[in-house]
C-alpha atoms as a PDB file:
ATOM      1  CA  MET A   1       4.622 -10.087  -8.161  1.00  0.00           C
ATOM      2  CA  LEU A   2       5.941  -7.289  -5.997  1.00  0.00           C
ATOM      3  CA  ASN A   3       7.820  -7.569  -2.735  1.00  0.00           C
ATOM      4  CA  LYS A   4       6.759  -5.381   0.179  1.00  0.00           C
ATOM      5  CA  GLN A   5       9.127  -2.519  -0.655  1.00  0.00           C
ATOM      6  CA  GLU A   6       8.077  -2.532  -4.304  1.00  0.00           C
ATOM      7  CA  ALA A   7       4.430  -2.438  -3.239  1.00  0.00           C
ATOM      8  CA  ILE A   8       5.129   0.563  -0.986  1.00  0.00           C
ATOM      9  CA  GLU A   9       6.896   2.350  -3.858  1.00  0.00           C
ATOM     10  CA  PHE A  10       3.943   1.574  -6.120  1.00  0.00           C
ATOM     11  CA  ILE A  11       1.542   2.992  -3.523  1.00  0.00           C
ATOM     12  CA  ARG A  12       3.720   6.110  -3.204  1.00  0.00           C
ATOM     13  CA  LYS A  13       3.671   6.589  -6.974  1.00  0.00           C
ATOM     14  CA  GLU A  14      -0.085   6.058  -7.286  1.00  0.00           C
ATOM     15  CA  VAL A  15      -0.902   8.431  -4.411  1.00  0.00           C
ATOM     16  CA  GLY A  16       1.478  10.995  -5.913  1.00  0.00           C
ATOM     17  CA  LYS A  17      -0.220  10.743  -9.310  1.00  0.00           C
ATOM     18  CA  THR A  18      -3.480  11.945  -7.775  1.00  0.00           C
ATOM     19  CA  GLY A  19      -1.923  15.194  -6.558  1.00  0.00           C
ATOM     20  CA  LEU A  20      -3.843  14.773  -3.289  1.00  0.00           C
ATOM     21  CA  SER A  21      -2.480  14.937   0.241  1.00  0.00           C
ATOM     22  CA  HIS A  22      -2.364  11.660   2.160  1.00  0.00           C
ATOM     23  CA  ASP A  23      -5.415  12.768   4.150  1.00  0.00           C
ATOM     24  CA  LYS A  24      -7.442  13.688   1.066  1.00  0.00           C
ATOM     25  CA  PHE A  25      -6.464  10.501  -0.753  1.00  0.00           C
ATOM     26  CA  ALA A  26      -7.458   8.458   2.288  1.00  0.00           C
ATOM     27  CA  ALA A  27     -10.770  10.302   2.748  1.00  0.00           C
ATOM     28  CA  LEU A  28     -11.613   9.742  -0.906  1.00  0.00           C
ATOM     29  CA  HIS A  29     -11.158   5.999  -0.384  1.00  0.00           C
ATOM     30  CA  GLY A  30     -12.729   5.755   3.071  1.00  0.00           C
ATOM     31  CA  PHE A  31      -9.801   5.339   5.439  1.00  0.00           C
ATOM     32  CA  ASN A  32      -7.589   7.432   7.701  1.00  0.00           C
ATOM     33  CA  GLY A  33      -4.708   9.451   6.255  1.00  0.00           C
ATOM     34  CA  GLU A  34      -2.355   8.066   8.885  1.00  0.00           C
ATOM     35  CA  VAL A  35      -2.702   4.675   7.156  1.00  0.00           C
ATOM     36  CA  VAL A  36      -1.053   6.173   4.066  1.00  0.00           C
ATOM     37  CA  GLY A  37       1.716   7.951   5.934  1.00  0.00           C
ATOM     38  CA  ALA A  38       2.567   5.008   8.179  1.00  0.00           C
ATOM     39  CA  THR A  39       2.593   2.645   5.196  1.00  0.00           C
ATOM     40  CA  LEU A  40       4.861   4.882   3.138  1.00  0.00           C
ATOM     41  CA  ARG A  41       7.269   5.243   6.096  1.00  0.00           C
ATOM     42  CA  GLY A  42       7.345   1.452   6.521  1.00  0.00           C
ATOM     43  CA  ARG A  43       5.856   1.617  10.002  1.00  0.00           C
ATOM     44  CA  ARG A  44       2.944  -0.640   9.119  1.00  0.00           C
ATOM     45  CA  GLU A  45       2.056  -3.278   6.593  1.00  0.00           C
ATOM     46  CA  PRO A  46      -0.007  -2.020   3.672  1.00  0.00           C
ATOM     47  CA  ALA A  47      -3.655  -2.363   4.742  1.00  0.00           C
ATOM     48  CA  GLU A  48      -6.182  -4.019   2.459  1.00  0.00           C
ATOM     49  CA  SER A  49      -7.939  -0.653   2.110  1.00  0.00           C
ATOM     50  CA  ILE A  50      -4.905   1.110   0.655  1.00  0.00           C
ATOM     51  CA  LEU A  51      -3.940  -1.881  -1.480  1.00  0.00           C
ATOM     52  CA  SER A  52      -7.418  -1.919  -2.970  1.00  0.00           C
ATOM     53  CA  ALA A  53      -7.371   1.845  -3.547  1.00  0.00           C
ATOM     54  CA  VAL A  54      -4.299   1.504  -5.791  1.00  0.00           C
ATOM     55  CA  GLY A  55      -5.363  -1.730  -7.484  1.00  0.00           C
ATOM     56  CA  LEU A  56      -3.202  -4.196  -5.585  1.00  0.00           C
ATOM     57  CA  GLU A  57      -4.064  -7.288  -3.588  1.00  0.00           C
ATOM     58  CA  ARG A  58      -2.077  -9.241  -1.013  1.00  0.00           C
ATOM     59  CA  VAL A  59      -1.112 -12.750  -2.139  1.00  0.00           C
ATOM     60  CA  ILE A  60       0.511 -15.241   0.185  1.00  0.00           C
ATOM     61  CA  THR A  61       2.625 -18.003  -1.302  1.00  0.00           C
ATOM     62  CA  TYR A  62       4.305 -21.064   0.111  1.00  0.00           C
ATOM     63  CA  ARG A  63       7.132 -23.135  -1.257  1.00  0.00           C
ATOM     64  CA  ARG A  64       8.942 -26.260  -0.276  1.00  0.00           C
ATOM     65  CA  LYS A  65      12.248 -25.808   1.539  1.00  0.00           C
ATOM     66  CA  ALA A  66      15.359 -26.990  -0.207  1.00  0.00           C
ATOM     67  CA  SER A  67      16.608 -30.228   1.322  1.00  0.00           C
END
């Protein structure tokens, strides 16, 4: 499991591996390049489209509070 920051770093690494600009990476996967930039700057949550493009999925968990 990754936390949000780790997921963003993973996205950064995967986009970087392609050697493509944010816009070209986004176009290749069918979304807007601003999604990549805003995600990597922490201005927006990673969208399902970018998560899918790098092989991640969002998982929500719940746990019981300590009494």
